Amino acid sequence: MAKESMKAREVKRQKMVDKYAAKRAALKAEGDYIGLQKLPKNASPVRLHNRCKLSGRPKGYMRLFGLSRINFREMAGQGLIPGIKKASW
């Protein structure tokens, strides 16, 4: 389980990216790189990191489901994810 402060930091970054998205796109279209540098660091989408929606785990993230591999395996085994079942042969 990730620390609450780490989860909160990611949420804060996402809000900042959303806030400055239009301004960032306009500056990029104009080619105003000095203006881009004056934006806050966390306004850059590159600084975002994918985290599991349940546990906040940053590694082993599955984009399609928004879960870490561990939570995905548990939920798939219990039949909580539609269309996913454990393979056995």
C-alpha atoms as a PDB file:
ATOM      1  CA  MET A   1       0.000   0.000   0.000  1.00  0.00           C
ATOM      2  CA  ALA A   2       1.398   3.350  -1.036  1.00  0.00           C
ATOM      3  CA  LYS A   3       1.680   6.186   1.431  1.00  0.00           C
ATOM      4  CA  GLU A   4      -1.245   8.575   1.404  1.00  0.00           C
ATOM      5  CA  SER A   5       1.155  11.464   0.774  1.00  0.00           C
ATOM      6  CA  MET A   6       2.339   9.835  -2.458  1.00  0.00           C
ATOM      7  CA  LYS A   7      -1.222   9.309  -3.663  1.00  0.00           C
ATOM      8  CA  ALA A   8      -2.091  12.910  -2.785  1.00  0.00           C
ATOM      9  CA  ARG A   9       0.975  14.185  -4.648  1.00  0.00           C
ATOM     10  CA  GLU A  10      -0.113  12.369  -7.808  1.00  0.00           C
ATOM     11  CA  VAL A  11      -3.628  13.809  -7.530  1.00  0.00           C
ATOM     12  CA  LYS A  12      -2.172  17.296  -7.077  1.00  0.00           C
ATOM     13  CA  ARG A  13       0.025  16.868 -10.159  1.00  0.00           C
ATOM     14  CA  GLN A  14      -2.933  15.660 -12.226  1.00  0.00           C
ATOM     15  CA  LYS A  15      -4.963  18.727 -11.247  1.00  0.00           C
ATOM     16  CA  MET A  16      -2.089  21.023 -12.212  1.00  0.00           C
ATOM     17  CA  VAL A  17      -1.634  19.293 -15.582  1.00  0.00           C
ATOM     18  CA  ASP A  18      -5.352  19.720 -16.287  1.00  0.00           C
ATOM     19  CA  LYS A  19      -5.271  23.371 -15.191  1.00  0.00           C
ATOM     20  CA  TYR A  20      -2.393  24.356 -17.488  1.00  0.00           C
ATOM     21  CA  ALA A  21      -3.185  22.061 -20.459  1.00  0.00           C
ATOM     22  CA  ALA A  22      -4.767  24.749 -22.637  1.00  0.00           C
ATOM     23  CA  LYS A  23      -2.117  27.349 -21.842  1.00  0.00           C
ATOM     24  CA  ARG A  24       0.630  24.795 -22.448  1.00  0.00           C
ATOM     25  CA  ALA A  25      -0.833  23.828 -25.845  1.00  0.00           C
ATOM     26  CA  ALA A  26      -1.103  27.481 -26.897  1.00  0.00           C
ATOM     27  CA  LEU A  27       2.499  28.231 -25.914  1.00  0.00           C
ATOM     28  CA  LYS A  28       3.698  25.128 -27.725  1.00  0.00           C
ATOM     29  CA  ALA A  29       1.790  26.079 -30.892  1.00  0.00           C
ATOM     30  CA  GLU A  30       3.404  29.533 -30.860  1.00  0.00           C
ATOM     31  CA  GLY A  31       6.837  28.033 -30.254  1.00  0.00           C
ATOM     32  CA  ASP A  32       7.246  30.114 -27.083  1.00  0.00           C
ATOM     33  CA  TYR A  33       9.656  27.861 -25.214  1.00  0.00           C
ATOM     34  CA  ILE A  34      10.607  30.546 -22.714  1.00  0.00           C
ATOM     35  CA  GLY A  35       6.934  30.841 -21.768  1.00  0.00           C
ATOM     36  CA  LEU A  36       6.784  27.066 -21.353  1.00  0.00           C
ATOM     37  CA  GLN A  37       9.753  27.177 -18.994  1.00  0.00           C
ATOM     38  CA  LYS A  38       7.955  29.708 -16.811  1.00  0.00           C
ATOM     39  CA  LEU A  39       5.077  27.284 -16.160  1.00  0.00           C
ATOM     40  CA  PRO A  40       5.286  25.210 -12.945  1.00  0.00           C
ATOM     41  CA  LYS A  41       7.271  21.980 -13.192  1.00  0.00           C
ATOM     42  CA  ASN A  42       4.306  19.861 -12.161  1.00  0.00           C
ATOM     43  CA  ALA A  43       2.242  21.288 -15.039  1.00  0.00           C
ATOM     44  CA  SER A  44       4.125  18.976 -17.385  1.00  0.00           C
ATOM     45  CA  PRO A  45       2.284  15.714 -18.160  1.00  0.00           C
ATOM     46  CA  VAL A  46       5.615  13.886 -18.263  1.00  0.00           C
ATOM     47  CA  ARG A  47       5.826  14.151 -14.471  1.00  0.00           C
ATOM     48  CA  LEU A  48       2.680  12.056 -13.971  1.00  0.00           C
ATOM     49  CA  HIS A  49       3.074   8.461 -12.906  1.00  0.00           C
ATOM     50  CA  ASN A  50       0.451   5.742 -13.270  1.00  0.00           C
ATOM     51  CA  ARG A  51      -0.685   4.233  -9.962  1.00  0.00           C
ATOM     52  CA  CYS A  52      -3.092   1.458  -9.035  1.00  0.00           C
ATOM     53  CA  LYS A  53      -6.556   2.861  -8.241  1.00  0.00           C
ATOM     54  CA  LEU A  54      -6.935   0.560  -5.215  1.00  0.00           C
ATOM     55  CA  SER A  55      -3.527   0.263  -3.600  1.00  0.00           C
ATOM     56  CA  GLY A  56      -1.558   3.138  -5.141  1.00  0.00           C
ATOM     57  CA  ARG A  57       1.214   0.780  -6.230  1.00  0.00           C
ATOM     58  CA  PRO A  58       3.376   2.459  -8.918  1.00  0.00           C
ATOM     59  CA  LYS A  59       4.942  -0.679 -10.398  1.00  0.00           C
ATOM     60  CA  GLY A  60       3.255  -3.514 -12.261  1.00  0.00           C
ATOM     61  CA  TYR A  61       0.488  -1.178 -13.474  1.00  0.00           C
ATOM     62  CA  MET A  62      -1.939  -2.484 -16.111  1.00  0.00           C
ATOM     63  CA  ARG A  63      -3.244   0.461 -18.153  1.00  0.00           C
ATOM     64  CA  LEU A  64      -6.306  -1.274 -19.527  1.00  0.00           C
ATOM     65  CA  PHE A  65      -7.702  -1.881 -16.037  1.00  0.00           C
ATOM     66  CA  GLY A  66      -6.027   0.843 -13.951  1.00  0.00           C
ATOM     67  CA  LEU A  67      -4.857  -1.767 -11.451  1.00  0.00           C
ATOM     68  CA  SER A  68      -1.579  -3.257 -10.321  1.00  0.00           C
ATOM     69  CA  ARG A  69      -0.835  -6.829 -11.352  1.00  0.00           C
ATOM     70  CA  ILE A  70      -1.465  -8.052  -7.795  1.00  0.00           C
ATOM     71  CA  ASN A  71      -4.915  -6.491  -7.445  1.00  0.00           C
ATOM     72  CA  PHE A  72      -5.775  -7.553 -10.987  1.00  0.00           C
ATOM     73  CA  ARG A  73      -4.929 -11.182 -10.215  1.00  0.00           C
ATOM     74  CA  GLU A  74      -6.955 -11.180  -6.999  1.00  0.00           C
ATOM     75  CA  MET A  75      -9.997  -9.582  -8.617  1.00  0.00           C
ATOM     76  CA  ALA A  76      -9.815 -11.801 -11.715  1.00  0.00           C
ATOM     77  CA  GLY A  77      -9.642 -14.906  -9.523  1.00  0.00           C
ATOM     78  CA  GLN A  78     -12.768 -13.811  -7.670  1.00  0.00           C
ATOM     79  CA  GLY A  79     -14.570 -13.044 -10.943  1.00  0.00           C
ATOM     80  CA  LEU A  80     -14.901  -9.320 -10.216  1.00  0.00           C
ATOM     81  CA  ILE A  81     -13.576  -8.185 -13.604  1.00  0.00           C
ATOM     82  CA  PRO A  82     -16.078  -8.787 -16.444  1.00  0.00           C
ATOM     83  CA  GLY A  83     -14.735 -10.888 -19.303  1.00  0.00           C
ATOM     84  CA  ILE A  84     -11.650 -12.073 -17.417  1.00  0.00           C
ATOM     85  CA  LYS A  85     -11.256 -15.588 -16.067  1.00  0.00           C
ATOM     86  CA  LYS A  86      -8.311 -17.617 -14.901  1.00  0.00           C
ATOM     87  CA  ALA A  87      -6.843 -19.865 -17.548  1.00  0.00           C
ATOM     88  CA  SER A  88      -6.515 -23.545 -16.729  1.00  0.00           C
ATOM     89  CA  TRP A  89      -5.682 -26.380 -19.068  1.00  0.00           C
END
